[in-house]
N, C-alpha and C. Protein backbone atom coordinates (compact mmCIF):
# COMPACT_ATOMS: atom_id res chain seq x y z
N MET A 1 78.75 126.04 188.71
CA MET A 1 78.73 124.61 188.42
C MET A 1 78.34 123.84 189.68
N SER A 2 77.30 123.07 189.57
CA SER A 2 76.88 122.25 190.71
C SER A 2 77.51 120.87 190.58
N ASN A 3 77.48 120.13 191.65
CA ASN A 3 77.97 118.76 191.59
C ASN A 3 76.84 117.78 191.86
N SER A 4 75.61 118.16 191.50
CA SER A 4 74.46 117.32 191.80
C SER A 4 74.51 115.97 191.09
N LEU A 5 75.31 115.87 190.03
CA LEU A 5 75.40 114.60 189.29
C LEU A 5 76.77 113.94 189.45
N LYS A 6 77.55 114.38 190.41
CA LYS A 6 78.87 113.78 190.63
C LYS A 6 78.71 112.28 190.89
N GLY A 7 79.50 111.49 190.16
CA GLY A 7 79.44 110.04 190.30
C GLY A 7 78.41 109.37 189.41
N LYS A 8 77.62 110.15 188.67
CA LYS A 8 76.60 109.59 187.78
C LYS A 8 77.16 109.47 186.36
N ARG A 9 76.75 108.43 185.66
CA ARG A 9 77.11 108.23 184.25
C ARG A 9 75.84 108.35 183.41
N ILE A 10 75.88 109.26 182.44
CA ILE A 10 74.72 109.51 181.60
C ILE A 10 75.07 109.21 180.15
N ALA A 11 74.25 108.40 179.50
CA ALA A 11 74.43 108.06 178.09
C ALA A 11 73.60 109.01 177.23
N PHE A 12 74.17 109.42 176.12
CA PHE A 12 73.46 110.15 175.07
C PHE A 12 73.43 109.20 173.88
N LEU A 13 72.26 108.82 173.44
CA LEU A 13 72.11 107.92 172.30
C LEU A 13 71.77 108.75 171.07
N ALA A 14 72.66 108.73 170.09
CA ALA A 14 72.45 109.56 168.89
C ALA A 14 73.23 108.98 167.72
N THR A 15 72.84 109.40 166.52
CA THR A 15 73.54 109.03 165.30
C THR A 15 73.49 110.21 164.33
N ASP A 16 73.94 109.99 163.09
CA ASP A 16 73.94 111.07 162.11
C ASP A 16 72.57 111.72 162.02
N GLY A 17 72.58 113.04 161.88
CA GLY A 17 71.33 113.78 161.78
C GLY A 17 70.80 114.25 163.11
N VAL A 18 71.59 114.11 164.17
CA VAL A 18 71.16 114.60 165.48
C VAL A 18 71.12 116.12 165.44
N GLU A 19 70.09 116.70 166.03
CA GLU A 19 69.98 118.16 166.11
C GLU A 19 71.08 118.67 167.03
N GLN A 20 71.95 119.50 166.47
CA GLN A 20 73.15 120.00 167.16
C GLN A 20 72.86 120.53 168.56
N SER A 21 71.93 121.46 168.67
CA SER A 21 71.67 122.10 169.97
C SER A 21 71.10 121.12 170.98
N GLU A 22 70.34 120.13 170.50
CA GLU A 22 69.71 119.16 171.41
C GLU A 22 70.69 118.09 171.90
N LEU A 23 71.85 118.04 171.29
CA LEU A 23 72.94 117.20 171.78
C LEU A 23 73.88 118.03 172.65
N VAL A 24 74.33 119.17 172.12
CA VAL A 24 75.40 119.94 172.76
C VAL A 24 74.95 120.62 174.05
N ARG A 25 73.79 121.24 174.05
CA ARG A 25 73.39 121.98 175.27
C ARG A 25 73.13 121.05 176.45
N PRO A 26 72.35 119.97 176.30
CA PRO A 26 72.19 119.05 177.44
C PRO A 26 73.52 118.42 177.86
N TRP A 27 74.37 118.11 176.88
CA TRP A 27 75.68 117.52 177.16
C TRP A 27 76.46 118.43 178.10
N LYS A 28 76.56 119.71 177.73
CA LYS A 28 77.31 120.67 178.55
C LYS A 28 76.67 120.85 179.92
N SER A 29 75.36 120.98 179.95
CA SER A 29 74.65 121.19 181.22
C SER A 29 74.83 120.01 182.17
N ILE A 30 74.68 118.81 181.65
CA ILE A 30 74.78 117.60 182.47
C ILE A 30 76.22 117.37 182.91
N LYS A 31 77.15 117.63 182.02
CA LYS A 31 78.57 117.51 182.37
C LYS A 31 78.94 118.56 183.43
N ASN A 32 78.44 119.79 183.27
CA ASN A 32 78.72 120.85 184.25
C ASN A 32 78.11 120.55 185.61
N ALA A 33 77.09 119.70 185.63
CA ALA A 33 76.48 119.29 186.90
C ALA A 33 77.25 118.15 187.55
N GLY A 34 78.36 117.74 186.92
CA GLY A 34 79.24 116.75 187.53
C GLY A 34 79.19 115.35 186.97
N ALA A 35 78.32 115.09 186.01
CA ALA A 35 78.18 113.74 185.47
C ALA A 35 79.29 113.40 184.48
N ASP A 36 79.57 112.11 184.37
CA ASP A 36 80.37 111.59 183.26
C ASP A 36 79.39 111.30 182.14
N VAL A 37 79.65 111.83 180.95
CA VAL A 37 78.73 111.66 179.82
C VAL A 37 79.43 110.89 178.71
N GLU A 38 78.66 110.05 178.02
CA GLU A 38 79.20 109.28 176.91
C GLU A 38 78.21 109.30 175.74
N LEU A 39 78.77 109.47 174.55
CA LEU A 39 77.98 109.42 173.34
C LEU A 39 77.98 107.99 172.82
N VAL A 40 76.80 107.39 172.79
CA VAL A 40 76.61 106.03 172.30
C VAL A 40 75.94 106.14 170.93
N SER A 41 76.46 105.39 169.95
CA SER A 41 75.89 105.44 168.62
C SER A 41 75.91 104.06 167.98
N LEU A 42 75.44 103.99 166.75
CA LEU A 42 75.34 102.72 166.05
C LEU A 42 76.70 102.22 165.57
N GLU A 43 77.60 103.15 165.24
CA GLU A 43 78.92 102.79 164.75
C GLU A 43 79.97 103.67 165.42
N SER A 44 81.21 103.20 165.43
CA SER A 44 82.30 103.99 166.01
C SER A 44 82.68 105.13 165.06
N GLY A 45 83.50 106.05 165.56
CA GLY A 45 83.95 107.17 164.74
C GLY A 45 83.29 108.46 165.15
N LYS A 46 82.65 109.11 164.20
CA LYS A 46 81.99 110.39 164.45
C LYS A 46 80.57 110.34 163.89
N ILE A 47 79.70 111.15 164.50
CA ILE A 47 78.36 111.33 163.94
C ILE A 47 78.22 112.78 163.49
N GLN A 48 77.35 113.01 162.54
CA GLN A 48 77.14 114.34 161.96
C GLN A 48 75.95 115.03 162.61
N GLY A 49 76.21 116.16 163.26
CA GLY A 49 75.14 116.99 163.78
C GLY A 49 74.55 117.85 162.68
N VAL A 50 73.33 118.33 162.93
CA VAL A 50 72.67 119.23 161.97
C VAL A 50 72.00 120.38 162.72
N ASN A 51 71.90 121.50 162.01
CA ASN A 51 71.04 122.60 162.44
C ASN A 51 69.86 122.56 161.48
N HIS A 52 68.81 121.89 161.89
CA HIS A 52 67.64 121.61 161.05
C HIS A 52 68.08 120.73 159.88
N ASP A 53 68.26 121.30 158.69
CA ASP A 53 68.66 120.48 157.55
C ASP A 53 70.05 120.83 157.02
N GLU A 54 70.78 121.66 157.77
CA GLU A 54 72.15 122.05 157.38
C GLU A 54 73.16 121.32 158.26
N LYS A 55 74.27 120.87 157.66
CA LYS A 55 75.31 120.20 158.43
C LYS A 55 75.86 121.14 159.49
N ALA A 56 76.13 120.58 160.66
CA ALA A 56 76.76 121.31 161.76
C ALA A 56 78.05 120.57 162.12
N ASP A 57 78.35 120.43 163.40
CA ASP A 57 79.59 119.80 163.84
C ASP A 57 79.49 118.28 163.80
N GLN A 58 80.66 117.66 163.75
CA GLN A 58 80.74 116.22 163.94
C GLN A 58 81.10 115.96 165.41
N HIS A 59 80.64 114.83 165.94
CA HIS A 59 80.83 114.51 167.35
C HIS A 59 81.44 113.12 167.49
N ASN A 60 82.44 113.00 168.35
CA ASN A 60 83.12 111.73 168.57
C ASN A 60 82.23 110.76 169.34
N VAL A 61 82.13 109.56 168.83
CA VAL A 61 81.38 108.49 169.49
C VAL A 61 82.29 107.86 170.54
N ASP A 62 81.76 107.71 171.76
CA ASP A 62 82.52 107.07 172.83
C ASP A 62 82.38 105.55 172.81
N LYS A 63 81.16 105.08 172.58
CA LYS A 63 80.89 103.64 172.58
C LYS A 63 79.82 103.36 171.52
N THR A 64 79.87 102.13 170.98
CA THR A 64 78.81 101.72 170.08
C THR A 64 77.72 101.02 170.89
N ILE A 65 76.56 100.93 170.31
CA ILE A 65 75.41 100.34 170.99
C ILE A 65 75.69 98.89 171.41
N ASP A 66 76.53 98.21 170.67
CA ASP A 66 76.86 96.83 170.99
C ASP A 66 77.88 96.69 172.12
N GLN A 67 78.44 97.83 172.56
CA GLN A 67 79.43 97.81 173.64
C GLN A 67 78.85 98.22 174.99
N VAL A 68 77.56 98.55 175.03
CA VAL A 68 76.99 99.11 176.24
C VAL A 68 75.75 98.36 176.70
N SER A 69 75.36 98.65 177.92
CA SER A 69 74.14 98.13 178.52
C SER A 69 73.56 99.25 179.37
N ALA A 70 72.25 99.26 179.54
CA ALA A 70 71.63 100.27 180.41
C ALA A 70 72.18 100.16 181.83
N GLU A 71 72.64 98.99 182.21
CA GLU A 71 73.23 98.80 183.54
C GLU A 71 74.46 99.66 183.76
N ASP A 72 75.11 100.08 182.65
CA ASP A 72 76.34 100.88 182.73
C ASP A 72 76.07 102.34 183.10
N TYR A 73 74.81 102.78 183.06
CA TYR A 73 74.48 104.20 183.18
C TYR A 73 73.40 104.46 184.21
N ASP A 74 73.36 105.72 184.66
CA ASP A 74 72.35 106.17 185.62
C ASP A 74 71.19 106.88 184.94
N GLY A 75 71.35 107.23 183.67
CA GLY A 75 70.30 107.92 182.94
C GLY A 75 70.61 107.97 181.46
N LEU A 76 69.61 108.36 180.67
CA LEU A 76 69.72 108.38 179.22
C LEU A 76 69.12 109.66 178.66
N VAL A 77 69.81 110.26 177.67
CA VAL A 77 69.29 111.41 176.94
C VAL A 77 69.10 111.00 175.49
N LEU A 78 67.92 111.33 174.95
CA LEU A 78 67.59 111.06 173.55
C LEU A 78 67.37 112.39 172.83
N PRO A 79 68.42 112.95 172.21
CA PRO A 79 68.26 114.19 171.45
C PRO A 79 67.43 113.93 170.19
N GLY A 80 66.93 115.00 169.61
CA GLY A 80 66.11 114.87 168.42
C GLY A 80 66.85 115.10 167.12
N GLY A 81 66.18 115.84 166.25
CA GLY A 81 66.56 115.89 164.85
C GLY A 81 65.67 114.86 164.18
N VAL A 82 65.37 115.03 162.93
CA VAL A 82 64.46 114.09 162.27
C VAL A 82 65.16 112.78 161.93
N PHE A 83 66.34 112.86 161.33
CA PHE A 83 67.02 111.67 160.83
C PHE A 83 67.56 110.79 161.96
N ASN A 84 68.05 111.41 163.03
CA ASN A 84 68.66 110.69 164.14
C ASN A 84 67.70 109.66 164.76
N PRO A 85 66.57 110.06 165.32
CA PRO A 85 65.70 109.05 165.95
C PRO A 85 65.06 108.11 164.93
N ASP A 86 64.89 108.58 163.69
CA ASP A 86 64.30 107.71 162.68
C ASP A 86 65.24 106.54 162.38
N ALA A 87 66.55 106.81 162.33
CA ALA A 87 67.52 105.73 162.11
C ALA A 87 67.63 104.85 163.35
N LEU A 88 67.65 105.44 164.53
CA LEU A 88 67.81 104.67 165.76
C LEU A 88 66.64 103.73 166.01
N ARG A 89 65.43 104.16 165.68
CA ARG A 89 64.26 103.34 166.00
C ARG A 89 64.15 102.10 165.12
N THR A 90 64.96 102.03 164.07
CA THR A 90 64.97 100.83 163.23
C THR A 90 66.09 99.87 163.63
N ASN A 91 66.83 100.21 164.68
CA ASN A 91 67.93 99.37 165.16
C ASN A 91 67.48 98.67 166.44
N GLU A 92 67.36 97.37 166.38
CA GLU A 92 66.84 96.59 167.51
C GLU A 92 67.67 96.78 168.78
N SER A 93 68.98 96.86 168.65
CA SER A 93 69.83 97.04 169.83
C SER A 93 69.60 98.40 170.48
N ALA A 94 69.40 99.43 169.67
CA ALA A 94 69.12 100.77 170.21
C ALA A 94 67.78 100.79 170.93
N VAL A 95 66.78 100.16 170.34
CA VAL A 95 65.45 100.12 170.96
C VAL A 95 65.50 99.34 172.27
N ASP A 96 66.21 98.21 172.29
CA ASP A 96 66.36 97.43 173.52
C ASP A 96 67.08 98.23 174.60
N PHE A 97 68.11 98.98 174.20
CA PHE A 97 68.86 99.83 175.13
C PHE A 97 67.93 100.82 175.81
N VAL A 98 67.08 101.48 175.03
CA VAL A 98 66.11 102.43 175.58
C VAL A 98 65.15 101.72 176.52
N ARG A 99 64.58 100.63 176.08
CA ARG A 99 63.60 99.88 176.87
C ARG A 99 64.20 99.43 178.21
N ASP A 100 65.47 99.05 178.19
CA ASP A 100 66.11 98.57 179.41
C ASP A 100 66.23 99.65 180.49
N PHE A 101 66.35 100.92 180.11
CA PHE A 101 66.36 101.98 181.11
C PHE A 101 65.04 102.00 181.87
N PHE A 102 63.96 101.78 181.18
CA PHE A 102 62.65 101.75 181.82
C PHE A 102 62.50 100.52 182.69
N LYS A 103 62.96 99.37 182.22
CA LYS A 103 62.90 98.15 183.02
C LYS A 103 63.69 98.30 184.32
N GLN A 104 64.76 99.10 184.26
CA GLN A 104 65.60 99.32 185.44
C GLN A 104 65.19 100.57 186.22
N HIS A 105 64.08 101.20 185.85
CA HIS A 105 63.50 102.35 186.55
C HIS A 105 64.42 103.58 186.54
N LYS A 106 65.23 103.72 185.50
CA LYS A 106 66.19 104.83 185.42
C LYS A 106 65.61 105.98 184.62
N PRO A 107 65.97 107.21 184.98
CA PRO A 107 65.44 108.38 184.28
C PRO A 107 65.90 108.46 182.83
N VAL A 108 64.99 108.95 181.98
CA VAL A 108 65.23 109.14 180.56
C VAL A 108 64.71 110.51 180.17
N ALA A 109 65.48 111.24 179.36
CA ALA A 109 65.08 112.56 178.88
C ALA A 109 65.12 112.56 177.35
N ALA A 110 63.99 112.90 176.71
CA ALA A 110 63.88 112.89 175.25
C ALA A 110 63.27 114.20 174.77
N ILE A 111 63.87 114.77 173.71
CA ILE A 111 63.40 116.05 173.21
C ILE A 111 63.11 115.98 171.71
N CYS A 112 62.14 116.77 171.28
CA CYS A 112 61.81 116.99 169.88
C CYS A 112 61.30 115.70 169.23
N HIS A 113 62.06 115.12 168.29
CA HIS A 113 61.70 113.86 167.65
C HIS A 113 62.24 112.65 168.42
N GLY A 114 63.04 112.89 169.47
CA GLY A 114 63.60 111.81 170.28
C GLY A 114 62.56 110.82 170.80
N PRO A 115 61.35 111.30 171.17
CA PRO A 115 60.32 110.37 171.66
C PRO A 115 59.90 109.28 170.67
N TRP A 116 60.28 109.40 169.39
CA TRP A 116 60.01 108.30 168.46
C TRP A 116 60.61 107.00 168.99
N LEU A 117 61.77 107.09 169.63
CA LEU A 117 62.39 105.89 170.20
C LEU A 117 61.56 105.34 171.34
N LEU A 118 60.89 106.22 172.09
CA LEU A 118 60.03 105.78 173.19
C LEU A 118 58.83 105.01 172.65
N VAL A 119 58.31 105.48 171.52
CA VAL A 119 57.19 104.79 170.86
C VAL A 119 57.64 103.39 170.44
N GLU A 120 58.79 103.32 169.77
CA GLU A 120 59.29 102.04 169.27
C GLU A 120 59.58 101.07 170.41
N ALA A 121 60.05 101.60 171.55
CA ALA A 121 60.36 100.76 172.71
C ALA A 121 59.11 100.39 173.50
N ASP A 122 57.96 100.96 173.12
CA ASP A 122 56.67 100.67 173.77
C ASP A 122 56.71 100.99 175.26
N VAL A 123 57.16 102.22 175.59
CA VAL A 123 57.29 102.62 176.99
C VAL A 123 56.47 103.87 177.35
N VAL A 124 55.57 104.29 176.47
CA VAL A 124 54.81 105.52 176.75
C VAL A 124 53.35 105.29 177.12
N ARG A 125 52.89 104.07 177.05
CA ARG A 125 51.49 103.79 177.37
C ARG A 125 51.14 104.30 178.76
N GLY A 126 50.12 105.17 178.84
CA GLY A 126 49.69 105.71 180.11
C GLY A 126 50.56 106.83 180.66
N ARG A 127 51.53 107.28 179.89
CA ARG A 127 52.46 108.32 180.35
C ARG A 127 52.09 109.66 179.75
N LYS A 128 52.32 110.73 180.50
CA LYS A 128 52.12 112.09 180.02
C LYS A 128 53.44 112.58 179.41
N VAL A 129 53.39 113.01 178.14
CA VAL A 129 54.59 113.40 177.41
C VAL A 129 54.31 114.59 176.50
N THR A 130 55.41 115.13 175.95
CA THR A 130 55.33 116.11 174.88
C THR A 130 56.40 115.79 173.87
N SER A 131 56.40 116.51 172.75
CA SER A 131 57.36 116.25 171.67
C SER A 131 57.19 117.35 170.62
N TRP A 132 57.97 117.23 169.55
CA TRP A 132 57.72 118.05 168.37
C TRP A 132 56.32 117.69 167.88
N PRO A 133 55.53 118.67 167.41
CA PRO A 133 54.13 118.40 167.05
C PRO A 133 53.90 117.24 166.08
N SER A 134 54.81 117.00 165.15
CA SER A 134 54.59 115.92 164.17
C SER A 134 54.70 114.52 164.78
N VAL A 135 55.23 114.43 166.01
CA VAL A 135 55.35 113.13 166.68
C VAL A 135 54.13 112.86 167.57
N LYS A 136 53.29 113.87 167.74
CA LYS A 136 52.12 113.79 168.62
C LYS A 136 51.25 112.56 168.33
N THR A 137 50.85 112.37 167.08
CA THR A 137 49.96 111.27 166.73
C THR A 137 50.59 109.92 167.03
N ASP A 138 51.89 109.78 166.75
CA ASP A 138 52.57 108.51 167.06
C ASP A 138 52.53 108.23 168.55
N LEU A 139 52.76 109.24 169.36
CA LEU A 139 52.74 109.07 170.82
C LEU A 139 51.34 108.72 171.32
N ILE A 140 50.32 109.42 170.80
CA ILE A 140 48.94 109.13 171.19
C ILE A 140 48.57 107.70 170.78
N ASN A 141 48.94 107.31 169.56
CA ASN A 141 48.64 105.95 169.08
C ASN A 141 49.36 104.88 169.91
N ALA A 142 50.47 105.27 170.54
CA ALA A 142 51.22 104.34 171.40
C ALA A 142 50.70 104.35 172.84
N GLY A 143 49.62 105.13 173.08
CA GLY A 143 48.98 105.12 174.39
C GLY A 143 49.37 106.22 175.34
N ALA A 144 50.13 107.20 174.86
CA ALA A 144 50.55 108.32 175.71
C ALA A 144 49.49 109.41 175.76
N GLU A 145 49.55 110.21 176.80
CA GLU A 145 48.77 111.44 176.88
C GLU A 145 49.70 112.56 176.44
N TRP A 146 49.46 113.15 175.26
CA TRP A 146 50.33 114.19 174.71
C TRP A 146 49.82 115.56 175.12
N VAL A 147 50.71 116.42 175.60
CA VAL A 147 50.37 117.79 175.95
C VAL A 147 51.36 118.75 175.29
N ASP A 148 50.90 119.96 175.04
CA ASP A 148 51.74 120.98 174.41
C ASP A 148 52.31 121.88 175.51
N GLU A 149 53.39 121.42 176.14
CA GLU A 149 54.06 122.16 177.21
C GLU A 149 55.55 122.10 176.97
N GLU A 150 56.29 123.10 177.49
CA GLU A 150 57.73 123.16 177.22
C GLU A 150 58.50 121.99 177.80
N CYS A 151 58.07 121.49 178.94
CA CYS A 151 58.76 120.37 179.56
C CYS A 151 57.75 119.60 180.41
N VAL A 152 57.73 118.28 180.22
CA VAL A 152 56.81 117.42 180.95
C VAL A 152 57.65 116.35 181.65
N CYS A 153 57.33 116.10 182.91
CA CYS A 153 58.02 115.04 183.65
C CYS A 153 56.98 114.10 184.22
N ASP A 154 57.13 112.82 183.92
CA ASP A 154 56.22 111.79 184.41
C ASP A 154 57.07 110.66 184.99
N GLU A 155 57.26 110.67 186.30
CA GLU A 155 57.99 109.60 187.02
C GLU A 155 59.34 109.28 186.39
N GLY A 156 60.17 110.29 186.21
CA GLY A 156 61.51 110.06 185.69
C GLY A 156 61.64 110.13 184.18
N LEU A 157 60.53 110.30 183.48
CA LEU A 157 60.55 110.49 182.03
C LEU A 157 60.36 111.97 181.74
N VAL A 158 61.40 112.61 181.19
CA VAL A 158 61.38 114.03 180.88
C VAL A 158 61.27 114.19 179.37
N THR A 159 60.30 114.99 178.91
CA THR A 159 60.16 115.25 177.48
C THR A 159 59.97 116.74 177.24
N SER A 160 60.48 117.20 176.09
CA SER A 160 60.30 118.59 175.66
C SER A 160 60.08 118.62 174.16
N ARG A 161 59.65 119.81 173.67
CA ARG A 161 59.20 119.92 172.28
C ARG A 161 60.28 120.28 171.27
N CYS A 162 61.18 121.21 171.62
CA CYS A 162 62.07 121.78 170.60
C CYS A 162 63.25 122.51 171.26
N PRO A 163 64.21 122.98 170.46
CA PRO A 163 65.36 123.68 171.02
C PRO A 163 65.00 124.86 171.93
N ASP A 164 63.90 125.55 171.66
CA ASP A 164 63.50 126.66 172.53
C ASP A 164 63.24 126.21 173.96
N ASP A 165 62.93 124.93 174.14
CA ASP A 165 62.62 124.38 175.46
C ASP A 165 63.86 123.86 176.20
N LEU A 166 65.04 123.99 175.60
CA LEU A 166 66.24 123.41 176.19
C LEU A 166 66.56 123.86 177.61
N PRO A 167 66.38 125.13 177.98
CA PRO A 167 66.68 125.49 179.37
C PRO A 167 65.86 124.68 180.39
N ALA A 168 64.57 124.58 180.17
CA ALA A 168 63.70 123.81 181.08
C ALA A 168 64.02 122.32 180.99
N PHE A 169 64.26 121.82 179.79
CA PHE A 169 64.59 120.41 179.57
C PHE A 169 65.86 120.03 180.33
N CYS A 170 66.90 120.82 180.18
CA CYS A 170 68.18 120.52 180.85
C CYS A 170 68.03 120.54 182.37
N ASP A 171 67.36 121.56 182.88
CA ASP A 171 67.18 121.67 184.34
C ASP A 171 66.42 120.47 184.89
N LYS A 172 65.34 120.09 184.21
CA LYS A 172 64.52 118.97 184.70
C LYS A 172 65.25 117.64 184.54
N ALA A 173 65.99 117.47 183.46
CA ALA A 173 66.76 116.23 183.27
C ALA A 173 67.79 116.08 184.38
N ILE A 174 68.49 117.16 184.70
CA ILE A 174 69.49 117.11 185.77
C ILE A 174 68.83 116.75 187.09
N GLU A 175 67.68 117.35 187.37
CA GLU A 175 66.95 117.05 188.60
C GLU A 175 66.57 115.57 188.67
N GLU A 176 66.06 115.02 187.59
CA GLU A 176 65.63 113.62 187.58
C GLU A 176 66.82 112.67 187.65
N PHE A 177 67.90 113.00 186.96
CA PHE A 177 69.10 112.17 187.04
C PHE A 177 69.67 112.18 188.46
N ALA A 178 69.60 113.33 189.12
CA ALA A 178 70.10 113.43 190.50
C ALA A 178 69.24 112.59 191.45
N GLU A 179 67.94 112.56 191.22
CA GLU A 179 67.04 111.77 192.07
C GLU A 179 67.28 110.28 191.90
N GLY A 180 67.69 109.85 190.72
CA GLY A 180 67.98 108.44 190.46
C GLY A 180 66.75 107.65 190.06
N LYS A 181 66.73 106.41 190.44
CA LYS A 181 65.66 105.50 190.03
C LYS A 181 64.31 105.96 190.54
N HIS A 182 63.28 105.71 189.71
CA HIS A 182 61.89 106.01 190.04
C HIS A 182 61.11 104.70 189.95
N ALA A 183 60.46 104.32 191.02
CA ALA A 183 59.73 103.04 191.05
C ALA A 183 58.71 102.93 189.94
N ASP A 184 58.06 104.06 189.58
CA ASP A 184 57.03 104.02 188.55
C ASP A 184 57.56 104.25 187.15
N GLN A 185 58.88 104.38 187.00
CA GLN A 185 59.50 104.50 185.68
C GLN A 185 59.73 103.08 185.18
N THR A 186 58.81 102.59 184.39
CA THR A 186 58.90 101.19 183.99
C THR A 186 58.31 100.98 182.60
N ALA A 187 58.76 99.92 181.97
CA ALA A 187 58.25 99.58 180.62
C ALA A 187 56.95 98.83 180.71
């Protein structure tokens, strides 16, 4: 266990339909690196994780989107799953929360379908990213350069394609969160 993230607060933004492994594995890795982690969601209570289209574990929500600000955190993780980011991207407060991390030059890590929120927040123009293949066209249409690689980092923005990429995703997210603000990480 390293302490590279000791003293850092990292938000995980998710709701029902979050891909179980894309929430749990980064959560454990980032927490083991010394960070305080909080699950932010649209409503209080619990959210339902999934393994693809099958129900998995429920996860306790620490704060609702209306109780937080990007100023409260040092970084943000956007797990995937199809339903999770699709619901989040239709919530104005969630989209503003994501956009504010970029305005404050803070690192953000998004995996699988999580980059849908980046598209909605209009923060990928001119950025090199990856995602689940079905999100590729949305990212390109939003002005991103999409590549098919396990993990892509562009000035504090970390993206990966799928659960198979989690080891590289977690390592790079921890590295970027430890580095802190990036001058070119902006909306």
